[in-house]
Amino acid sequence: MMKIKDKYFYKTFFSLFFVVALQNIIVFSVNLADSIMLGSYSEIAMSGVSLANQIQFLLHMFVNGAANGLVVISSQYWGKKHIEPIKKVFAAAFWAGTLMSLILMITVLISPEGILGILSDEKEIVLEGARYIKLMAFSYVIFAVTNILIALMRSVEAVRIGFYTSVLALIFNISLNYCLIFGHFGFPEMGVEGAAVATIASRAAEFIAVTVYVFVIDKRLRLKLRDIFALERTYINDYIKAGLPLIGSGGSWGVAMTVQTAIIGRLGAAAIGANAVAAPVFQVVSVLYTSSGNASSVLIGKTVGENDIPRVKKYSKKLQIMYLVIGALSSISLLLLRDIIISFYDVTEETAALSAVFINILSVTVIGSAYEAPCLCGIVSGGGDTKFVFKNDILFMWCMVLPLSFLSAFVFNWPVPVTFFILKSDQITKCIVAVFKVNRFRWIKNLTRENEEKVS
């Protein structure tokens, strides 16, 4: 019996992990494609879009929090094979994601230059970024809805649709980027605006494909459009209790990353350019540990829903070993990709040299990220303790990292690499907390309600 359960563990984890990892790599490759193509077009254009993408990252983190709240509760109901509660929790998550994306869209459209001006005092870069973000804002709502729908499918172990639609989006994006940024095949040369139009079109295609799958093809949930409006106070409250800390955690993390960009944005054009080179590369490599966290959340949540606590504890120990292996692989990948990626960019020697230093630093901190992030956001949150991650992020990021980074950059005037390392240092220190938190098992909490409709 134990061997059967071990086989189930590895089969379930890796089936979720590999598909989600491929999906996430493709999603981040869309941004990387924008960055590389614009980098060969103009360094200012590349840096402007990198700046604008920090707002997109902020939206992504808020929506990711809303989606994770859905996954935490729904995966536990999926473990019980109770379908109707999943639909009701989905309705709450759908409107949470839609509302947040609408608010950010309106804010960006009101003052794009003003928002990006907070992140950098380089006027040329801000103006290029504003041209891009004014168009991109119109894709925020469909981006949010698409991600909520994909998270819903992930919570019931249907992960391939996210991969397939991401491939579709990547093909659309690269093809249209080539045509619209540079003006090939008779298309106008639009630069950063062309990159924005290409990304909007790719997201629209992804949105249509996911919507058709969820509401027409999927047989697990048999979701209908009317389910979007089936809001019930009981499940809204359940979602708020579990999801709000994750939205807060994702949002605070997104704001913190934006503040980090603002700090780097005031360290000179070379620092901005180096960050524009290093950030997309790190995002692609980091999908290994974010995907392990996503897979862990579903696996742990489903097992908690089945009320098999001994197996939950056993799984959490196995997962921690796998996280360390993933961290080592991520570090090696960053070092191997460093010079190859930098060679794609038409940047100054100073920017290229600083990019290499940034990537070296990230190759160290990613080992910590690969352990602490899936431990806290995968095991602990998936097990039902969603409040801890929020409190932990506030403590480390807002009470330690950002104040120290500010002092390093603007009071002590330490070298740029030192400030960059401090900005990433919480990824190492959080590991201490993760070790104690995960292995005390006080995070196991069943969030489901009894006597709900079971799947037939």
Protein backbone atom coordinates (compact mmCIF):
# COMPACT_ATOMS: atom_id res chain seq x y z
CA MET A 1 0.00 0.00 0.00
CA MET A 2 2.84 2.40 0.85
CA LYS A 3 4.49 1.76 -2.52
CA ILE A 4 1.20 2.44 -4.29
CA LYS A 5 0.83 5.73 -2.43
CA ASP A 6 4.45 6.65 -3.23
CA LYS A 7 3.77 5.96 -6.90
CA TYR A 8 0.64 8.11 -6.71
CA PHE A 9 2.62 10.94 -5.10
CA TYR A 10 5.30 11.08 -7.78
CA LYS A 11 2.87 10.60 -10.65
CA THR A 12 0.53 13.32 -9.39
CA PHE A 13 3.25 15.80 -8.47
CA PHE A 14 5.25 15.49 -11.67
CA SER A 15 2.19 15.46 -13.93
CA LEU A 16 1.14 18.76 -12.34
CA PHE A 17 4.66 20.16 -12.08
CA PHE A 18 5.86 19.58 -15.63
CA VAL A 19 2.73 20.85 -17.35
CA VAL A 20 2.48 23.93 -15.12
CA ALA A 21 6.23 24.56 -15.51
CA LEU A 22 5.99 24.40 -19.30
CA GLN A 23 2.99 26.70 -19.20
CA ASN A 24 4.76 29.21 -16.96
CA ILE A 25 7.94 29.10 -19.05
CA ILE A 26 5.89 29.94 -22.12
CA VAL A 27 4.03 32.72 -20.30
CA PHE A 28 7.29 34.33 -19.19
CA SER A 29 8.80 33.69 -22.61
CA VAL A 30 6.19 36.06 -24.02
CA ASN A 31 7.69 38.86 -21.89
CA LEU A 32 11.20 37.64 -22.69
CA ALA A 33 10.38 37.77 -26.42
CA ASP A 34 9.21 41.37 -26.01
CA SER A 35 12.38 42.23 -24.11
CA ILE A 36 14.80 40.56 -26.54
CA MET A 37 13.13 41.92 -29.69
CA LEU A 38 12.89 45.42 -28.25
CA GLY A 39 16.47 45.10 -26.98
CA SER A 40 17.64 44.66 -30.57
CA TYR A 41 15.39 47.55 -31.62
CA SER A 42 16.32 50.13 -28.95
CA GLU A 43 17.75 49.99 -25.42
CA ILE A 44 15.44 52.82 -24.34
CA ALA A 45 12.42 50.96 -25.74
CA MET A 46 13.48 47.79 -23.93
CA SER A 47 13.95 49.62 -20.64
CA GLY A 48 10.63 51.45 -21.04
CA VAL A 49 8.71 48.23 -21.58
CA SER A 50 10.57 46.59 -18.68
CA LEU A 51 9.42 49.49 -16.50
CA ALA A 52 5.83 49.17 -17.75
CA ASN A 53 5.90 45.43 -17.12
CA GLN A 54 6.33 46.14 -13.41
CA ILE A 55 2.73 47.35 -13.43
CA GLN A 56 1.77 44.16 -15.24
CA PHE A 57 3.69 42.23 -12.60
CA LEU A 58 1.74 44.05 -9.89
CA LEU A 59 -1.52 42.96 -11.53
CA HIS A 60 -0.17 39.44 -11.93
CA MET A 61 0.60 39.20 -8.21
CA PHE A 62 -2.84 40.45 -7.14
CA VAL A 63 -4.58 38.10 -9.59
CA ASN A 64 -2.27 35.25 -8.60
CA GLY A 65 -3.32 35.80 -4.98
CA ALA A 66 -6.99 35.64 -5.97
CA ALA A 67 -6.32 32.51 -8.03
CA ASN A 68 -4.37 30.81 -5.23
CA GLY A 69 -7.23 31.47 -2.82
CA LEU A 70 -9.49 29.65 -5.26
CA VAL A 71 -7.03 26.75 -5.60
CA VAL A 72 -6.58 26.31 -1.83
CA ILE A 73 -10.30 25.88 -1.16
CA SER A 74 -11.27 24.14 -4.41
CA SER A 75 -8.52 21.52 -4.22
CA GLN A 76 -9.76 20.50 -0.76
CA TYR A 77 -13.31 20.16 -2.09
CA TRP A 78 -11.89 18.22 -5.04
CA GLY A 79 -10.33 15.80 -2.55
CA LYS A 80 -13.85 15.24 -1.18
CA LYS A 81 -15.28 15.10 -4.75
CA HIS A 82 -17.72 17.91 -3.87
CA ILE A 83 -18.38 19.90 -7.05
CA GLU A 84 -21.02 22.53 -6.29
CA PRO A 85 -18.93 24.36 -3.64
CA ILE A 86 -16.10 24.65 -6.17
CA LYS A 87 -18.40 26.53 -8.55
CA LYS A 88 -19.54 28.88 -5.78
CA VAL A 89 -16.01 29.65 -4.64
CA PHE A 90 -15.05 30.21 -8.28
CA ALA A 91 -17.74 32.90 -8.64
CA ALA A 92 -16.22 34.83 -5.73
CA ALA A 93 -12.70 34.52 -7.17
CA PHE A 94 -13.88 35.54 -10.64
CA TRP A 95 -15.32 38.83 -9.44
CA ALA A 96 -12.35 39.50 -7.16
CA GLY A 97 -9.95 39.19 -10.10
CA THR A 98 -12.18 41.21 -12.42
CA LEU A 99 -12.59 44.06 -9.93
CA MET A 100 -8.86 44.33 -9.21
CA SER A 101 -7.96 44.38 -12.91
CA LEU A 102 -10.59 47.04 -13.66
CA ILE A 103 -9.27 49.30 -10.90
CA LEU A 104 -5.68 49.01 -12.15
CA MET A 105 -6.74 49.53 -15.78
CA ILE A 106 -8.57 52.77 -14.96
CA THR A 107 -5.67 53.99 -12.81
CA VAL A 108 -3.14 53.38 -15.59
CA LEU A 109 -5.28 55.05 -18.25
CA ILE A 110 -5.73 58.17 -16.11
CA SER A 111 -2.00 58.84 -15.68
CA PRO A 112 0.43 56.41 -17.38
CA GLU A 113 3.39 58.82 -17.29
CA GLY A 114 2.69 59.71 -13.66
CA ILE A 115 2.66 56.07 -12.57
CA LEU A 116 5.85 55.15 -14.43
CA GLY A 117 7.46 58.36 -13.21
CA ILE A 118 7.27 56.92 -9.71
CA LEU A 119 9.46 54.03 -10.85
CA SER A 120 12.15 55.99 -12.68
CA ASP A 121 13.39 59.54 -13.19
CA GLU A 122 14.74 58.75 -16.68
CA LYS A 123 12.27 60.75 -18.81
CA GLU A 124 12.97 59.03 -22.14
CA ILE A 125 12.44 55.60 -20.60
CA VAL A 126 9.23 56.73 -18.87
CA LEU A 127 7.79 58.13 -22.12
CA GLU A 128 8.54 54.90 -24.02
CA GLY A 129 6.99 52.85 -21.24
CA ALA A 130 3.89 55.06 -21.20
CA ARG A 131 3.32 54.49 -24.93
CA TYR A 132 3.35 50.75 -24.23
CA ILE A 133 1.26 50.67 -21.05
CA LYS A 134 -1.55 52.88 -22.43
CA LEU A 135 -2.39 50.06 -24.82
CA MET A 136 -1.58 47.16 -22.50
CA ALA A 137 -4.07 48.40 -19.89
CA PHE A 138 -6.93 47.25 -22.12
CA SER A 139 -5.77 43.63 -21.74
CA TYR A 140 -5.78 43.61 -17.93
CA VAL A 141 -9.33 42.29 -17.47
CA ILE A 142 -9.01 39.40 -19.94
CA PHE A 143 -5.63 38.57 -18.39
CA ALA A 144 -7.25 38.33 -14.94
CA VAL A 145 -10.21 36.24 -16.09
CA THR A 146 -7.96 33.88 -18.06
CA ASN A 147 -5.76 33.24 -15.03
CA ILE A 148 -8.73 32.65 -12.71
CA LEU A 149 -10.15 30.09 -15.17
CA ILE A 150 -6.79 28.33 -15.51
CA ALA A 151 -6.44 28.22 -11.70
CA LEU A 152 -9.92 26.69 -11.46
CA MET A 153 -8.88 23.93 -13.84
CA ARG A 154 -5.60 23.42 -11.96
CA SER A 155 -7.48 22.92 -8.69
CA VAL A 156 -9.24 19.89 -10.20
CA GLU A 157 -6.01 18.57 -11.76
CA ALA A 158 -6.83 19.69 -15.31
CA VAL A 159 -3.59 21.47 -16.17
CA ARG A 160 -3.02 20.79 -19.87
CA ILE A 161 -5.39 23.49 -21.08
CA GLY A 162 -3.18 26.15 -19.50
CA PHE A 163 -0.17 24.76 -21.36
CA TYR A 164 -1.91 24.54 -24.74
CA THR A 165 -3.31 28.06 -24.58
CA SER A 166 0.06 29.44 -23.48
CA VAL A 167 1.68 27.87 -26.56
CA LEU A 168 -0.99 29.55 -28.67
CA ALA A 169 -0.29 32.91 -27.00
CA LEU A 170 3.48 32.56 -27.52
CA ILE A 171 3.11 31.81 -31.24
CA PHE A 172 0.80 34.80 -31.68
CA ASN A 173 3.10 37.07 -29.70
CA ILE A 174 6.39 36.25 -31.41
CA SER A 175 4.87 36.34 -34.89
CA LEU A 176 3.13 39.67 -34.37
CA ASN A 177 6.15 41.12 -32.53
CA TYR A 178 8.32 40.42 -35.55
CA CYS A 179 5.81 42.10 -37.84
CA LEU A 180 4.78 45.08 -35.73
CA ILE A 181 7.95 46.08 -33.87
CA PHE A 182 10.18 46.13 -36.96
CA GLY A 183 7.59 46.61 -39.73
CA HIS A 184 8.10 43.35 -41.63
CA PHE A 185 5.75 41.83 -44.27
CA GLY A 186 4.14 45.16 -45.06
CA PHE A 187 3.14 45.96 -41.46
CA PRO A 188 3.90 49.43 -40.04
CA GLU A 189 7.00 49.81 -37.83
CA MET A 190 5.40 50.53 -34.44
CA GLY A 191 8.20 49.87 -31.93
CA VAL A 192 6.92 49.60 -28.35
CA GLU A 193 3.33 50.11 -29.47
CA GLY A 194 3.71 47.17 -31.84
CA ALA A 195 4.89 45.01 -28.93
CA ALA A 196 1.80 46.06 -26.97
CA VAL A 197 -0.59 45.26 -29.83
CA ALA A 198 1.07 41.85 -30.29
CA THR A 199 0.72 41.02 -26.59
CA ILE A 200 -2.92 42.14 -26.49
CA ALA A 201 -3.75 39.96 -29.50
CA SER A 202 -2.01 36.94 -27.97
CA ARG A 203 -3.89 37.39 -24.68
CA ALA A 204 -7.20 37.71 -26.51
CA ALA A 205 -6.53 34.44 -28.34
CA GLU A 206 -5.61 32.74 -25.05
CA PHE A 207 -8.75 34.11 -23.35
CA ILE A 208 -11.03 32.79 -26.10
CA ALA A 209 -9.42 29.34 -26.06
CA VAL A 210 -9.60 28.98 -22.25
CA THR A 211 -13.20 30.22 -22.09
CA VAL A 212 -14.35 27.76 -24.76
CA TYR A 213 -12.61 24.89 -22.97
CA VAL A 214 -13.97 25.65 -19.51
CA PHE A 215 -17.57 26.37 -20.49
CA VAL A 216 -17.98 24.01 -23.45
CA ILE A 217 -15.47 21.13 -23.39
CA ASP A 218 -14.59 20.43 -19.73
CA LYS A 219 -16.49 17.52 -18.13
CA ARG A 220 -15.09 17.70 -14.60
CA LEU A 221 -17.07 20.73 -13.43
CA ARG A 222 -19.52 21.31 -16.32
CA LEU A 223 -19.40 25.02 -15.59
CA LYS A 224 -22.05 27.30 -17.11
CA LEU A 225 -21.99 31.06 -17.63
CA ARG A 226 -24.73 31.44 -15.03
CA ASP A 227 -22.32 30.02 -12.41
CA ILE A 228 -20.33 33.26 -12.63
CA PHE A 229 -23.29 35.07 -11.07
CA ALA A 230 -24.13 32.36 -8.49
CA LEU A 231 -22.66 34.29 -5.57
CA GLU A 232 -23.55 33.05 -2.09
CA ARG A 233 -22.63 34.90 1.10
CA THR A 234 -21.43 31.71 2.83
CA TYR A 235 -18.87 30.93 0.14
CA ILE A 236 -17.92 34.56 -0.35
CA ASN A 237 -17.03 34.65 3.35
CA ASP A 238 -15.09 31.38 3.05
CA TYR A 239 -13.21 32.77 0.06
CA ILE A 240 -12.45 36.04 1.84
CA LYS A 241 -11.07 34.22 4.89
CA ALA A 242 -8.78 32.00 2.83
CA GLY A 243 -8.19 34.20 -0.20
CA LEU A 244 -7.80 37.69 1.24
CA PRO A 245 -4.48 36.90 2.98
CA LEU A 246 -3.18 35.46 -0.30
CA ILE A 247 -4.40 38.49 -2.26
CA GLY A 248 -2.76 40.67 0.38
CA SER A 249 0.43 38.63 0.20
CA GLY A 250 0.53 38.69 -3.59
CA GLY A 251 -0.36 42.37 -3.68
CA SER A 252 2.17 43.40 -1.05
CA TRP A 253 4.82 41.37 -2.84
CA GLY A 254 3.89 43.00 -6.16
CA VAL A 255 4.02 46.48 -4.62
CA ALA A 256 7.34 45.61 -2.97
CA MET A 257 8.79 44.49 -6.31
CA THR A 258 7.56 47.75 -7.83
CA VAL A 259 9.28 49.68 -5.03
CA GLN A 260 12.43 47.66 -5.74
CA THR A 261 12.17 48.72 -9.38
CA ALA A 262 11.79 52.33 -8.25
CA ILE A 263 14.98 52.02 -6.19
CA ILE A 264 16.89 50.46 -9.10
CA GLY A 265 15.34 53.06 -11.42
CA ARG A 266 17.16 55.78 -9.52
CA LEU A 267 20.56 54.12 -9.69
CA GLY A 268 21.20 55.13 -13.31
CA ALA A 269 20.44 53.99 -16.85
CA ALA A 270 22.92 51.08 -16.64
CA ALA A 271 21.17 49.67 -13.57
CA ILE A 272 17.77 49.97 -15.27
CA GLY A 273 19.10 48.25 -18.38
CA ALA A 274 20.82 45.50 -16.39
CA ASN A 275 17.62 44.83 -14.47
CA ALA A 276 15.71 44.73 -17.77
CA VAL A 277 18.10 42.01 -18.94
CA ALA A 278 18.30 40.01 -15.71
CA ALA A 279 14.65 40.10 -14.62
CA PRO A 280 13.09 38.22 -17.58
CA VAL A 281 15.83 35.56 -17.47
CA PHE A 282 15.27 35.04 -13.76
CA GLN A 283 11.50 34.86 -14.28
CA VAL A 284 11.90 32.05 -16.81
CA VAL A 285 14.24 30.07 -14.53
CA SER A 286 12.10 30.76 -11.45
CA VAL A 287 9.15 28.93 -13.00
CA LEU A 288 10.75 25.71 -11.78
CA TYR A 289 10.14 26.59 -8.14
CA THR A 290 6.89 28.50 -8.65
CA SER A 291 5.52 25.51 -10.54
CA SER A 292 6.61 23.15 -7.76
CA GLY A 293 4.68 25.39 -5.36
CA ASN A 294 1.59 25.32 -7.59
CA ALA A 295 1.75 21.53 -7.87
CA SER A 296 2.32 21.17 -4.11
CA SER A 297 -0.67 23.36 -3.27
CA VAL A 298 -3.04 21.15 -5.28
CA LEU A 299 -1.50 17.90 -4.01
CA ILE A 300 -1.45 18.95 -0.34
CA GLY A 301 -4.88 20.61 -0.53
CA LYS A 302 -6.49 17.56 -2.09
CA THR A 303 -4.92 15.26 0.52
CA VAL A 304 -6.09 17.52 3.38
CA GLY A 305 -9.58 17.39 1.84
CA GLU A 306 -9.37 13.60 1.94
CA ASN A 307 -8.52 13.97 5.66
CA ASP A 308 -5.42 11.76 5.31
CA ILE A 309 -3.17 13.67 7.73
CA PRO A 310 -0.33 11.09 7.97
CA ARG A 311 0.01 11.23 4.19
CA VAL A 312 0.01 15.04 4.25
CA LYS A 313 3.00 14.97 6.63
CA LYS A 314 4.83 12.39 4.56
CA TYR A 315 4.27 14.35 1.35
CA SER A 316 5.54 17.58 2.90
CA LYS A 317 8.85 15.93 3.81
CA LYS A 318 9.33 14.48 0.33
CA LEU A 319 8.52 17.82 -1.26
CA GLN A 320 11.18 19.69 0.73
CA ILE A 321 13.91 17.44 -0.67
CA MET A 322 12.63 18.04 -4.18
CA TYR A 323 12.65 21.81 -3.65
CA LEU A 324 16.37 21.74 -2.81
CA VAL A 325 17.12 19.79 -5.99
CA ILE A 326 15.07 22.26 -8.03
CA GLY A 327 16.98 25.14 -6.42
CA ALA A 328 20.33 23.68 -7.42
CA LEU A 329 19.16 23.10 -11.00
CA SER A 330 17.80 26.65 -11.20
CA SER A 331 21.10 28.10 -10.01
CA ILE A 332 23.11 26.12 -12.54
CA SER A 333 20.69 27.09 -15.33
CA LEU A 334 21.08 30.80 -14.57
CA LEU A 335 24.86 30.59 -14.70
CA LEU A 336 24.81 28.62 -17.96
CA LEU A 337 22.32 30.98 -19.62
CA ARG A 338 23.95 34.21 -18.41
CA ASP A 339 26.38 35.01 -21.23
CA ILE A 340 24.13 33.59 -23.95
CA ILE A 341 21.19 35.79 -22.96
CA ILE A 342 23.27 38.94 -22.52
CA SER A 343 24.70 38.47 -26.03
CA PHE A 344 21.19 38.84 -27.48
CA TYR A 345 20.95 42.44 -26.26
CA ASP A 346 22.39 45.47 -28.01
CA VAL A 347 23.40 47.28 -24.81
CA THR A 348 26.41 49.24 -23.60
CA GLU A 349 29.43 47.47 -22.10
CA GLU A 350 28.57 48.91 -18.68
CA THR A 351 25.02 47.55 -18.86
CA ALA A 352 26.23 44.14 -20.06
CA ALA A 353 28.79 43.88 -17.24
CA LEU A 354 26.24 44.88 -14.60
CA SER A 355 23.74 42.41 -16.07
CA ALA A 356 26.25 39.59 -15.51
CA VAL A 357 26.72 40.65 -11.88
CA PHE A 358 22.95 40.77 -11.30
CA ILE A 359 22.50 37.28 -12.76
CA ASN A 360 25.35 35.95 -10.59
CA ILE A 361 23.59 37.29 -7.49
CA LEU A 362 20.29 35.76 -8.59
CA SER A 363 21.98 32.39 -9.13
CA VAL A 364 22.73 32.37 -5.38
CA THR A 365 19.43 33.69 -4.05
CA VAL A 366 17.38 31.39 -6.29
CA ILE A 367 18.45 28.42 -4.15
CA GLY A 368 16.72 30.00 -1.17
CA SER A 369 13.73 31.01 -3.28
CA ALA A 370 13.32 27.48 -4.57
CA TYR A 371 13.00 26.17 -1.01
CA GLU A 372 11.12 28.84 0.94
CA ALA A 373 8.60 29.92 -1.72
CA PRO A 374 7.03 26.50 -2.42
CA CYS A 375 7.28 25.57 1.28
CA LEU A 376 5.26 28.60 2.35
CA CYS A 377 3.11 29.28 -0.73
CA GLY A 378 2.65 25.63 -1.69
CA ILE A 379 2.67 23.40 1.39
CA VAL A 380 1.60 25.85 4.11
CA SER A 381 -1.00 27.74 2.06
CA GLY A 382 -2.23 24.57 0.34
CA GLY A 383 -2.65 22.99 3.76
CA GLY A 384 -5.04 25.78 4.76
CA ASP A 385 -2.89 28.28 6.68
CA THR A 386 -3.07 31.24 4.30
CA LYS A 387 -2.56 34.00 6.89
CA PHE A 388 0.99 33.03 7.81
CA VAL A 389 2.47 33.76 4.38
CA PHE A 390 1.01 37.27 4.40
CA LYS A 391 2.43 38.07 7.84
CA ASN A 392 5.81 36.61 6.90
CA ASP A 393 6.05 38.64 3.69
CA ILE A 394 5.17 41.87 5.50
CA LEU A 395 7.84 41.23 8.14
CA PHE A 396 10.71 40.35 5.83
CA MET A 397 10.01 42.60 2.86
CA TRP A 398 8.55 45.75 4.38
CA CYS A 399 10.30 45.75 7.76
CA MET A 400 13.73 44.52 6.66
CA VAL A 401 14.59 44.37 2.96
CA LEU A 402 13.12 47.63 1.67
CA PRO A 403 14.37 49.86 4.53
CA LEU A 404 17.88 48.38 4.31
CA SER A 405 17.89 48.72 0.51
CA PHE A 406 16.82 52.35 0.76
CA LEU A 407 19.65 53.07 3.18
CA SER A 408 22.13 51.24 0.96
CA ALA A 409 21.11 53.14 -2.18
CA PHE A 410 20.44 56.66 -0.94
CA VAL A 411 22.11 57.13 2.46
CA PHE A 412 25.28 55.05 2.40
CA ASN A 413 25.60 55.16 -1.43
CA TRP A 414 26.90 51.61 -1.55
CA PRO A 415 27.71 50.05 -4.96
CA VAL A 416 24.74 49.04 -7.13
CA PRO A 417 25.44 45.26 -6.81
CA VAL A 418 25.37 45.54 -3.00
CA THR A 419 21.97 47.23 -3.08
CA PHE A 420 20.71 44.62 -5.55
CA PHE A 421 21.85 41.79 -3.26
CA ILE A 422 20.10 43.35 -0.26
CA LEU A 423 16.91 43.62 -2.34
CA LYS A 424 17.01 39.84 -2.86
CA SER A 425 18.37 38.81 0.56
CA ASP A 426 15.00 37.84 2.06
CA GLN A 427 14.97 34.81 -0.22
CA ILE A 428 17.77 33.39 1.92
CA THR A 429 16.60 34.48 5.38
CA LYS A 430 13.06 33.19 4.83
CA CYS A 431 14.44 29.66 4.59
CA ILE A 432 14.96 29.58 8.37
CA VAL A 433 11.29 30.37 8.96
CA ALA A 434 10.18 27.86 6.32
CA VAL A 435 12.09 24.97 7.92
CA PHE A 436 10.46 25.47 11.32
CA LYS A 437 6.99 26.30 10.03
CA VAL A 438 6.60 23.37 7.64
CA ASN A 439 7.98 20.70 9.94
CA ARG A 440 5.80 21.62 12.94
CA PHE A 441 2.65 20.77 10.90
CA ARG A 442 0.42 23.35 12.58
CA TRP A 443 -0.59 24.61 9.13
CA ILE A 444 -2.93 21.68 8.41
CA LYS A 445 -6.46 23.14 8.34
CA ASN A 446 -9.52 21.75 6.57
CA LEU A 447 -11.36 24.69 4.98
CA THR A 448 -14.30 22.75 3.53
CA ARG A 449 -17.88 22.49 4.71
CA GLU A 450 -19.52 19.16 5.42
CA ASN A 451 -22.54 17.62 3.67
CA GLU A 452 -22.03 19.31 0.31
CA GLU A 453 -23.00 17.74 -2.98
CA LYS A 454 -20.62 15.00 -4.04
CA VAL A 455 -19.73 14.25 -7.65
CA SER A 456 -21.80 11.43 -9.08
